[in-house]
Structures are given as structure tokens and as C-alpha cells.
């Protein structure tokens, strides 16, 4: 009996070895498989958990007709003998994003010469794009570029740049003198931004045929008032 018990114990021990080895291999394989599966699941979860890039929506969705940026009284004040009070609207492939208009005036004073004035406006609106940035950021970048371009005007003399308050979120006025065909022109460029819209105004004047050169301070004052009005017109178009 004792001998049979020892033999049975010995058989059970030998029989257990392959089972443990298989279990060990199986456990190793299972662990490797589970680890791989876990990594794959983790990676998949990580990818699916990553949110799509988002940006704040653009504040303003529309632009006004650029030729309606100013009231009739403003046009008359800035351009006393305007050739066409309705303005000359530039062509645009996307009127919701870009628009321009211009006016010119020649106020003749006989032997005292002619007072020439030029006014133009450009509206630029930006939408938000996850791949590029928010409408406001894109407009801010364009605003900065417009100011830099104005400061780099060819042949500009006595150039000055200063912030202009009360016009959108930010505005800069650039003034300078330039000579064209023997005539002294006074130039004012105002760049203003209201969230995702940028407004650029160019206003210049000259005394032709012996007329006195206009005062730069007067042109600047008129241009600043016009810029405020143009920004207000853009905001009104969105309400």
C-alpha cells in the first residue's frame, strides 16, 4: 500500500510537469498577446480620443457694399467736386470677403489752380479655419501687413505712424509726403481692424497748376473720421 501510494505520487508529479510548462508557455504567449492587444487598443483609444482642431468662429459674417461705406455728406466733404459720388467699385470674386471702392475729385479755381483729392477704401474679412487659425488672428496678421506696406511706400518723405483711438479694435494712421509728376501730394493711410474685418483707407490730395498744397493735418482729420464711419458701416451690416 505504501509502495502504491509512492508510485501514485510520483506519477502525479511527472504528469504535472508538462501541464505547468504548457501553462507557463501559454501564460507567456497570452501575456504577450494581451500586451500587444492592449497596446493596439490603447493606441486606437488615444487616436480616437484626440479632438479635432477647433478655432473660435468668426465674429462677423458679412461685408457691406464698399461704395456705401461713407454717407453722401462725408463723400462731399472729403471730395468737394467728386466726379462720381456713387464711387467706382472694384471687381471681386467673393464680395463676402473682399471689396473696394474709389472716388476722385478735381476742384478747379481758375488761375489759382486745382485742388485734387483721391479716396479709396478696401474691406477684407476672414473666416475661421482650423488649419490656418481664427478669423480674428488672420485679420490681425493682415492688419499688421497692411500697416507695414503703408510704411514702406515708395518715395515717402516725412513718414509718421500713430495709433488711432476709437476705431474698431485697433487702428493705425500713416502719413507721408510724396512727389508725383512735379506735384507735392499729402497722403494718409488708415488701417483699422474690428475682430475679423480689416478696413484700409487711402486719402490724398495735392494742389495742381499752382494751387496751394493741402494741409496734411486736415487730410488726416478727415481720414480718421472716414475710417470710423467705414468701420461702423461694416458692423451695421452684421446686425
C-alpha atoms as a PDB file:
ATOM      1  CA  UNK A   1       0.000   0.000   0.000  1.00  0.00           C
ATOM      2  CA  UNK A   2       2.801   2.333   0.913  1.00  0.00           C
ATOM      3  CA  UNK A   3       4.567   1.432  -2.291  1.00  0.00           C
ATOM      4  CA  UNK A   4       1.424   2.042  -4.362  1.00  0.00           C
ATOM      5  CA  UNK A   5       0.977   5.440  -2.730  1.00  0.00           C
ATOM      6  CA  UNK A   6       4.545   6.465  -3.534  1.00  0.00           C
ATOM      7  CA  UNK A   7       4.170   5.331  -7.131  1.00  0.00           C
ATOM      8  CA  UNK A   8       0.894   7.264  -7.496  1.00  0.00           C
ATOM      9  CA  UNK A   9       2.514  10.407  -6.090  1.00  0.00           C
ATOM     10  CA  UNK A  10       5.433  10.028  -8.475  1.00  0.00           C
ATOM     11  CA  UNK A  11       3.098   9.642 -11.473  1.00  0.00           C
ATOM     12  CA  UNK A  12       1.099  12.720 -10.459  1.00  0.00           C
ATOM     13  CA  UNK A  13       4.292  14.780 -10.149  1.00  0.00           C
ATOM     14  CA  UNK A  14       5.536  13.772 -13.583  1.00  0.00           C
ATOM     15  CA  UNK A  15       2.144  14.348 -15.092  1.00  0.00           C
ATOM     16  CA  UNK A  16       2.026  17.863 -13.598  1.00  0.00           C
ATOM     17  CA  UNK A  17       5.282  18.979 -15.196  1.00  0.00           C
ATOM     18  CA  UNK A  18       4.051  19.182 -18.784  1.00  0.00           C
ATOM     19  CA  UNK A  19       0.891  20.891 -17.620  1.00  0.00           C
ATOM     20  CA  UNK A  20       2.920  23.573 -15.789  1.00  0.00           C
ATOM     21  CA  UNK A  21       5.223  24.027 -18.779  1.00  0.00           C
ATOM     22  CA  UNK A  22       2.310  24.384 -21.132  1.00  0.00           C
ATOM     23  CA  UNK A  23       0.665  26.702 -18.710  1.00  0.00           C
ATOM     24  CA  UNK A  24       3.906  28.667 -18.471  1.00  0.00           C
ATOM     25  CA  UNK A  25       4.233  28.933 -22.251  1.00  0.00           C
ATOM     26  CA  UNK A  26       0.579  29.598 -22.603  1.00  0.00           C
ATOM     27  CA  UNK A  27       0.818  32.291 -19.932  1.00  0.00           C
ATOM     28  CA  UNK A  28       3.805  33.830 -21.718  1.00  0.00           C
ATOM     29  CA  UNK A  29       2.033  33.800 -25.087  1.00  0.00           C
ATOM     30  CA  UNK A  30      -1.130  35.074 -23.510  1.00  0.00           C
ATOM     31  CA  UNK A  31       0.744  37.821 -21.755  1.00  0.00           C
ATOM     32  CA  UNK A  32       2.482  38.830 -24.997  1.00  0.00           C
ATOM     33  CA  UNK A  33      -0.758  38.669 -26.917  1.00  0.00           C
ATOM     34  CA  UNK A  34      -2.626  40.631 -24.272  1.00  0.00           C
ATOM     35  CA  UNK A  35       0.153  43.205 -24.163  1.00  0.00           C
ATOM     36  CA  UNK A  36       0.052  43.663 -27.938  1.00  0.00           C
ATOM     37  CA  UNK A  37      -3.700  43.809 -27.920  1.00  0.00           C
ATOM     38  CA  UNK A  38      -3.570  46.259 -25.043  1.00  0.00           C
ATOM     39  CA  UNK A  39      -1.097  48.491 -26.915  1.00  0.00           C
ATOM     40  CA  UNK A  40      -3.229  48.413 -30.049  1.00  0.00           C
ATOM     41  CA  UNK A  41      -6.350  49.177 -28.059  1.00  0.00           C
ATOM     42  CA  UNK A  42      -4.511  51.923 -26.204  1.00  0.00           C
ATOM     43  CA  UNK A  43      -3.233  53.454 -29.449  1.00  0.00           C
ATOM     44  CA  UNK A  44      -6.652  53.241 -31.047  1.00  0.00           C
ATOM     45  CA  UNK A  45      -8.220  54.835 -27.996  1.00  0.00           C
ATOM     46  CA  UNK A  46      -5.529  57.505 -27.986  1.00  0.00           C
ATOM     47  CA  UNK A  47      -6.165  58.363 -31.630  1.00  0.00           C
ATOM     48  CA  UNK A  48      -9.912  58.349 -31.225  1.00  0.00           C
ATOM     49  CA  UNK A  49      -9.637  60.425 -28.068  1.00  0.00           C
ATOM     50  CA  UNK A  50      -7.643  63.194 -29.764  1.00  0.00           C
ATOM     51  CA  UNK A  51     -10.084  66.050 -30.526  1.00  0.00           C
ATOM     52  CA  UNK A  52     -10.191  67.631 -33.951  1.00  0.00           C
ATOM     53  CA  UNK A  53      -8.545  71.071 -34.084  1.00  0.00           C
ATOM     54  CA  UNK A  54     -11.073  73.790 -33.334  1.00  0.00           C
ATOM     55  CA  UNK A  55     -10.977  77.578 -33.527  1.00  0.00           C
ATOM     56  CA  UNK A  56     -13.384  80.237 -32.398  1.00  0.00           C
ATOM     57  CA  UNK A  57     -15.962  81.080 -35.069  1.00  0.00           C
ATOM     58  CA  UNK A  58     -15.539  84.346 -36.947  1.00  0.00           C
ATOM     59  CA  UNK A  59     -17.473  87.182 -35.322  1.00  0.00           C
ATOM     60  CA  UNK A  60     -18.611  88.945 -38.489  1.00  0.00           C
ATOM     61  CA  UNK A  61     -20.106  87.093 -41.439  1.00  0.00           C
ATOM     62  CA  UNK A  62     -20.773  89.884 -43.933  1.00  0.00           C
ATOM     63  CA  UNK A  63     -19.256  92.924 -45.601  1.00  0.00           C
ATOM     64  CA  UNK A  64     -21.157  95.992 -46.773  1.00  0.00           C
ATOM     65  CA  UNK A  65     -21.021  97.305 -50.314  1.00  0.00           C
ATOM     66  CA  UNK A  66     -17.700  99.203 -50.160  1.00  0.00           C
ATOM     67  CA  UNK A  67     -19.171 102.122 -52.122  1.00  0.00           C
ATOM     68  CA  UNK A  68     -21.703 102.598 -49.319  1.00  0.00           C
ATOM     69  CA  UNK A  69     -19.020 102.822 -46.625  1.00  0.00           C
ATOM     70  CA  UNK A  70     -19.469 106.602 -46.354  1.00  0.00           C
ATOM     71  CA  UNK A  71     -22.510 108.856 -46.271  1.00  0.00           C
ATOM     72  CA  UNK A  72     -23.117 111.319 -49.097  1.00  0.00           C
ATOM     73  CA  UNK A  73     -22.143 114.164 -46.760  1.00  0.00           C
ATOM     74  CA  UNK A  74     -18.809 112.502 -45.970  1.00  0.00           C
ATOM     75  CA  UNK A  75     -18.031 111.972 -49.649  1.00  0.00           C
ATOM     76  CA  UNK A  76     -18.892 115.604 -50.376  1.00  0.00           C
ATOM     77  CA  UNK A  77     -16.704 116.840 -47.524  1.00  0.00           C
ATOM     78  CA  UNK A  78     -13.669 114.771 -48.485  1.00  0.00           C
ATOM     79  CA  UNK A  79     -14.139 115.275 -52.241  1.00  0.00           C
ATOM     80  CA  UNK A  80     -15.815 118.674 -52.868  1.00  0.00           C
ATOM     81  CA  UNK A  81     -16.077 118.236 -56.656  1.00  0.00           C
ATOM     82  CA  UNK A  82     -16.351 114.455 -56.797  1.00  0.00           C
ATOM     83  CA  UNK A  83     -16.635 113.078 -60.321  1.00  0.00           C
ATOM     84  CA  UNK A  84     -18.988 110.266 -59.328  1.00  0.00           C
ATOM     85  CA  UNK A  85     -20.473 110.311 -55.836  1.00  0.00           C
ATOM     86  CA  UNK A  86     -21.534 106.661 -56.247  1.00  0.00           C
ATOM     87  CA  UNK A  87     -17.881 105.626 -56.427  1.00  0.00           C
ATOM     88  CA  UNK A  88     -16.069 103.179 -58.666  1.00  0.00           C
ATOM     89  CA  UNK A  89     -16.421  99.691 -57.224  1.00  0.00           C
ATOM     90  CA  UNK A  90     -13.603  97.252 -57.843  1.00  0.00           C
ATOM     91  CA  UNK A  91     -14.276  93.738 -59.066  1.00  0.00           C
ATOM     92  CA  UNK A  92     -14.228  90.898 -56.560  1.00  0.00           C
ATOM     93  CA  UNK A  93     -14.707  87.155 -56.893  1.00  0.00           C
ATOM     94  CA  UNK A  94     -16.013  86.991 -53.314  1.00  0.00           C
ATOM     95  CA  UNK A  95     -17.967  90.033 -52.154  1.00  0.00           C
ATOM     96  CA  UNK A  96     -18.448  88.482 -48.704  1.00  0.00           C
ATOM     97  CA  UNK A  97     -14.694  88.502 -48.136  1.00  0.00           C
ATOM     98  CA  UNK A  98     -13.296  91.398 -50.136  1.00  0.00           C
ATOM     99  CA  UNK A  99     -14.464  94.700 -51.589  1.00  0.00           C
ATOM    100  CA  UNK A 100     -13.004  98.012 -52.782  1.00  0.00           C
ATOM    101  CA  UNK A 101     -14.284 101.373 -53.975  1.00  0.00           C
ATOM    102  CA  UNK A 102     -12.638 104.646 -55.019  1.00  0.00           C
ATOM    103  CA  UNK A 103     -13.505 108.296 -55.666  1.00  0.00           C
ATOM    104  CA  UNK A 104     -11.637 111.263 -57.130  1.00  0.00           C
ATOM    105  CA  UNK A 105     -12.248 114.998 -57.184  1.00  0.00           C
ATOM    106  CA  UNK A 106     -10.803 117.958 -59.091  1.00  0.00           C
ATOM    107  CA  UNK A 107     -11.899 121.282 -57.653  1.00  0.00           C
ATOM    108  CA  UNK A 108     -10.812 123.929 -60.155  1.00  0.00           C
ATOM    109  CA  UNK A 109     -10.165 127.508 -59.051  1.00  0.00           C
ATOM    110  CA  UNK A 110      -9.248 129.191 -62.319  1.00  0.00           C
ATOM    111  CA  UNK A 111      -5.884 130.957 -62.149  1.00  0.00           C
ATOM    112  CA  UNK A 112      -5.484 129.680 -58.583  1.00  0.00           C
ATOM    113  CA  UNK A 113      -5.119 126.137 -59.854  1.00  0.00           C
ATOM    114  CA  UNK A 114      -6.928 122.933 -58.904  1.00  0.00           C
ATOM    115  CA  UNK A 115      -7.341 121.053 -55.672  1.00  0.00           C
ATOM    116  CA  UNK A 116      -7.127 117.309 -56.333  1.00  0.00           C
ATOM    117  CA  UNK A 117      -8.390 114.666 -53.913  1.00  0.00           C
ATOM    118  CA  UNK A 118      -8.384 110.878 -54.004  1.00  0.00           C
ATOM    119  CA  UNK A 119     -10.147 108.470 -51.646  1.00  0.00           C
ATOM    120  CA  UNK A 120     -10.327 104.695 -51.689  1.00  0.00           C
ATOM    121  CA  UNK A 121     -11.413 102.003 -49.271  1.00  0.00           C
ATOM    122  CA  UNK A 122     -10.727  98.294 -49.031  1.00  0.00           C
ATOM    123  CA  UNK A 123     -12.642  95.812 -46.874  1.00  0.00           C
ATOM    124  CA  UNK A 124     -11.145  92.407 -46.070  1.00  0.00           C
ATOM    125  CA  UNK A 125     -12.968  89.791 -43.992  1.00  0.00           C
ATOM    126  CA  UNK A 126     -11.591  86.466 -42.757  1.00  0.00           C
ATOM    127  CA  UNK A 127     -13.393  83.277 -41.743  1.00  0.00           C
ATOM    128  CA  UNK A 128     -12.048  80.885 -39.124  1.00  0.00           C
ATOM    129  CA  UNK A 129     -10.218  77.842 -40.443  1.00  0.00           C
ATOM    130  CA  UNK A 130      -8.929  75.015 -38.165  1.00  0.00           C
ATOM    131  CA  UNK A 131      -5.941  74.537 -40.458  1.00  0.00           C
ATOM    132  CA  UNK A 132      -4.989  78.233 -40.541  1.00  0.00           C
ATOM    133  CA  UNK A 133      -6.395  79.947 -37.491  1.00  0.00           C
ATOM    134  CA  UNK A 134      -9.287  82.013 -36.236  1.00  0.00           C
ATOM    135  CA  UNK A 135     -10.775  84.772 -38.332  1.00  0.00           C
ATOM    136  CA  UNK A 136      -9.572  87.312 -35.804  1.00  0.00           C
ATOM    137  CA  UNK A 137      -5.984  86.037 -35.876  1.00  0.00           C
ATOM    138  CA  UNK A 138      -5.927  86.001 -39.668  1.00  0.00           C
ATOM    139  CA  UNK A 139      -7.295  89.544 -39.739  1.00  0.00           C
ATOM    140  CA  UNK A 140      -4.701  90.655 -37.201  1.00  0.00           C
ATOM    141  CA  UNK A 141      -1.927  89.252 -39.392  1.00  0.00           C
ATOM    142  CA  UNK A 142      -3.336  91.067 -42.429  1.00  0.00           C
ATOM    143  CA  UNK A 143      -3.716  94.282 -40.434  1.00  0.00           C
ATOM    144  CA  UNK A 144      -0.030  94.117 -39.475  1.00  0.00           C
ATOM    145  CA  UNK A 145       0.970  93.547 -43.102  1.00  0.00           C
ATOM    146  CA  UNK A 146      -1.150  96.468 -44.332  1.00  0.00           C
ATOM    147  CA  UNK A 147       0.488  98.805 -41.819  1.00  0.00           C
ATOM    148  CA  UNK A 148       3.953  97.592 -42.839  1.00  0.00           C
ATOM    149  CA  UNK A 149       3.166  98.031 -46.533  1.00  0.00           C
ATOM    150  CA  UNK A 150       1.923 101.583 -45.943  1.00  0.00           C
ATOM    151  CA  UNK A 151       5.112 102.438 -44.057  1.00  0.00           C
ATOM    152  CA  UNK A 152       7.141 101.122 -46.989  1.00  0.00           C
ATOM    153  CA  UNK A 153       5.508 103.435 -49.563  1.00  0.00           C
ATOM    154  CA  UNK A 154       7.952 104.228 -52.359  1.00  0.00           C
ATOM    155  CA  UNK A 155       9.321 107.757 -52.291  1.00  0.00           C
ATOM    156  CA  UNK A 156       7.669 108.572 -48.962  1.00  0.00           C
ATOM    157  CA  UNK A 157       9.078 111.506 -47.007  1.00  0.00           C
ATOM    158  CA  UNK A 158       8.281 112.800 -43.528  1.00  0.00           C
ATOM    159  CA  UNK A 159       6.571 109.486 -42.776  1.00  0.00           C
ATOM    160  CA  UNK A 160       4.800 109.211 -39.438  1.00  0.00           C
ATOM    161  CA  UNK A 161       2.700 106.436 -37.925  1.00  0.00           C
ATOM    162  CA  UNK A 162       0.475 106.642 -34.869  1.00  0.00           C
ATOM    163  CA  UNK A 163      -2.309 104.684 -33.216  1.00  0.00           C
ATOM    164  CA  UNK A 164      -5.817 105.996 -33.824  1.00  0.00           C
ATOM    165  CA  UNK A 165      -8.272 105.501 -30.977  1.00  0.00           C
ATOM    166  CA  UNK A 166     -11.990 104.835 -31.163  1.00  0.00           C
ATOM    167  CA  UNK A 167     -11.799 102.982 -34.471  1.00  0.00           C
ATOM    168  CA  UNK A 168     -12.517  99.265 -34.195  1.00  0.00           C
ATOM    169  CA  UNK A 169     -10.288  97.099 -32.016  1.00  0.00           C
ATOM    170  CA  UNK A 170      -7.122  98.772 -33.280  1.00  0.00           C
ATOM    171  CA  UNK A 171      -6.173 101.323 -35.910  1.00  0.00           C
ATOM    172  CA  UNK A 172      -3.010 102.950 -37.226  1.00  0.00           C
ATOM    173  CA  UNK A 173      -2.686 106.159 -39.234  1.00  0.00           C
ATOM    174  CA  UNK A 174       0.299 106.556 -41.567  1.00  0.00           C
ATOM    175  CA  UNK A 175       1.027 109.960 -43.099  1.00  0.00           C
ATOM    176  CA  UNK A 176       3.728 110.994 -45.544  1.00  0.00           C
ATOM    177  CA  UNK A 177       4.613 113.323 -48.405  1.00  0.00           C
ATOM    178  CA  UNK A 178       5.441 112.189 -51.905  1.00  0.00           C
ATOM    179  CA  UNK A 179       6.176 113.972 -55.177  1.00  0.00           C
ATOM    180  CA  UNK A 180       4.356 112.822 -58.318  1.00  0.00           C
ATOM    181  CA  UNK A 181       4.957 114.404 -61.719  1.00  0.00           C
ATOM    182  CA  UNK A 182       6.309 117.508 -60.075  1.00  0.00           C
ATOM    183  CA  UNK A 183       3.389 117.892 -57.654  1.00  0.00           C
ATOM    184  CA  UNK A 184       3.561 117.569 -53.874  1.00  0.00           C
ATOM    185  CA  UNK A 185       0.999 115.109 -52.538  1.00  0.00           C
ATOM    186  CA  UNK A 186      -0.047 114.714 -48.931  1.00  0.00           C
ATOM    187  CA  UNK A 187      -1.015 111.115 -48.167  1.00  0.00           C
ATOM    188  CA  UNK A 188      -2.891 109.481 -45.321  1.00  0.00           C
ATOM    189  CA  UNK A 189      -3.457 105.748 -44.945  1.00  0.00           C
ATOM    190  CA  UNK A 190      -5.538 104.396 -42.097  1.00  0.00           C
ATOM    191  CA  UNK A 191      -5.677 100.679 -41.359  1.00  0.00           C
ATOM    192  CA  UNK A 192      -8.296  99.555 -38.846  1.00  0.00           C
ATOM    193  CA  UNK A 193      -9.383  96.153 -37.565  1.00  0.00           C
ATOM    194  CA  UNK A 194     -12.661  95.121 -35.999  1.00  0.00           C
ATOM    195  CA  UNK A 195     -12.332  91.460 -34.966  1.00  0.00           C
ATOM    196  CA  UNK A 196     -12.099  89.559 -38.284  1.00  0.00           C
ATOM    197  CA  UNK A 197     -12.576  92.568 -40.599  1.00  0.00           C
ATOM    198  CA  UNK A 198      -9.805  94.891 -41.767  1.00  0.00           C
ATOM    199  CA  UNK A 199     -10.544  98.315 -43.263  1.00  0.00           C
ATOM    200  CA  UNK A 200      -7.891 100.191 -45.245  1.00  0.00           C
ATOM    201  CA  UNK A 201      -8.441 103.792 -46.328  1.00  0.00           C
ATOM    202  CA  UNK A 202      -6.175 105.882 -48.543  1.00  0.00           C
ATOM    203  CA  UNK A 203      -6.835 109.600 -48.774  1.00  0.00           C
ATOM    204  CA  UNK A 204      -4.509 112.013 -50.531  1.00  0.00           C
ATOM    205  CA  UNK A 205      -4.526 115.458 -52.012  1.00  0.00           C
ATOM    206  CA  UNK A 206      -2.424 117.909 -53.962  1.00  0.00           C
ATOM    207  CA  UNK A 207      -2.548 121.452 -55.267  1.00  0.00           C
ATOM    208  CA  UNK A 208      -2.208 121.288 -59.059  1.00  0.00           C
ATOM    209  CA  UNK A 209      -1.432 124.042 -61.567  1.00  0.00           C
ATOM    210  CA  UNK A 210      -0.152 126.410 -58.926  1.00  0.00           C
ATOM    211  CA  UNK A 211      -2.738 125.709 -56.221  1.00  0.00           C
ATOM    212  CA  UNK A 212      -1.572 125.527 -52.617  1.00  0.00           C
ATOM    213  CA  UNK A 213      -0.612 122.121 -51.234  1.00  0.00           C
ATOM    214  CA  UNK A 214      -3.337 120.970 -48.813  1.00  0.00           C
ATOM    215  CA  UNK A 215      -2.537 120.707 -45.122  1.00  0.00           C
ATOM    216  CA  UNK A 216      -1.650 117.208 -44.040  1.00  0.00           C
ATOM    217  CA  UNK A 217      -3.354 117.714 -40.663  1.00  0.00           C
ATOM    218  CA  UNK A 218      -6.660 118.456 -42.404  1.00  0.00           C
ATOM    219  CA  UNK A 219      -6.412 115.340 -44.560  1.00  0.00           C
ATOM    220  CA  UNK A 220      -5.565 113.227 -41.521  1.00  0.00           C
ATOM    221  CA  UNK A 221      -8.515 114.538 -39.536  1.00  0.00           C
ATOM    222  CA  UNK A 222     -10.932 113.825 -42.403  1.00  0.00           C
ATOM    223  CA  UNK A 223      -9.460 110.372 -42.993  1.00  0.00           C
ATOM    224  CA  UNK A 224      -9.771 109.429 -39.315  1.00  0.00           C
ATOM    225  CA  UNK A 225     -13.444 110.401 -39.285  1.00  0.00           C
ATOM    226  CA  UNK A 226     -14.000 108.456 -42.509  1.00  0.00           C
ATOM    227  CA  UNK A 227     -12.309 105.368 -41.039  1.00  0.00           C
ATOM    228  CA  UNK A 228     -14.587 105.400 -38.009  1.00  0.00           C
ATOM    229  CA  UNK A 229     -17.592 105.661 -40.299  1.00  0.00           C
ATOM    230  CA  UNK A 230     -16.376 102.814 -42.527  1.00  0.00           C
ATOM    231  CA  UNK A 231     -15.896 100.517 -39.522  1.00  0.00           C
ATOM    232  CA  UNK A 232     -19.343 101.418 -38.184  1.00  0.00           C
ATOM    233  CA  UNK A 233     -20.850 100.619 -41.608  1.00  0.00           C
ATOM    234  CA  UNK A 234     -19.216  97.172 -41.552  1.00  0.00           C
ATOM    235  CA  UNK A 235     -20.541  96.400 -38.075  1.00  0.00           C
ATOM    236  CA  UNK A 236     -24.023  97.612 -39.006  1.00  0.00           C
ATOM    237  CA  UNK A 237     -24.053  95.217 -41.957  1.00  0.00           C
ATOM    238  CA  UNK A 238     -23.782  92.338 -39.482  1.00  0.00           C
ATOM    239  CA  UNK A 239     -26.820  93.298 -37.372  1.00  0.00           C
END
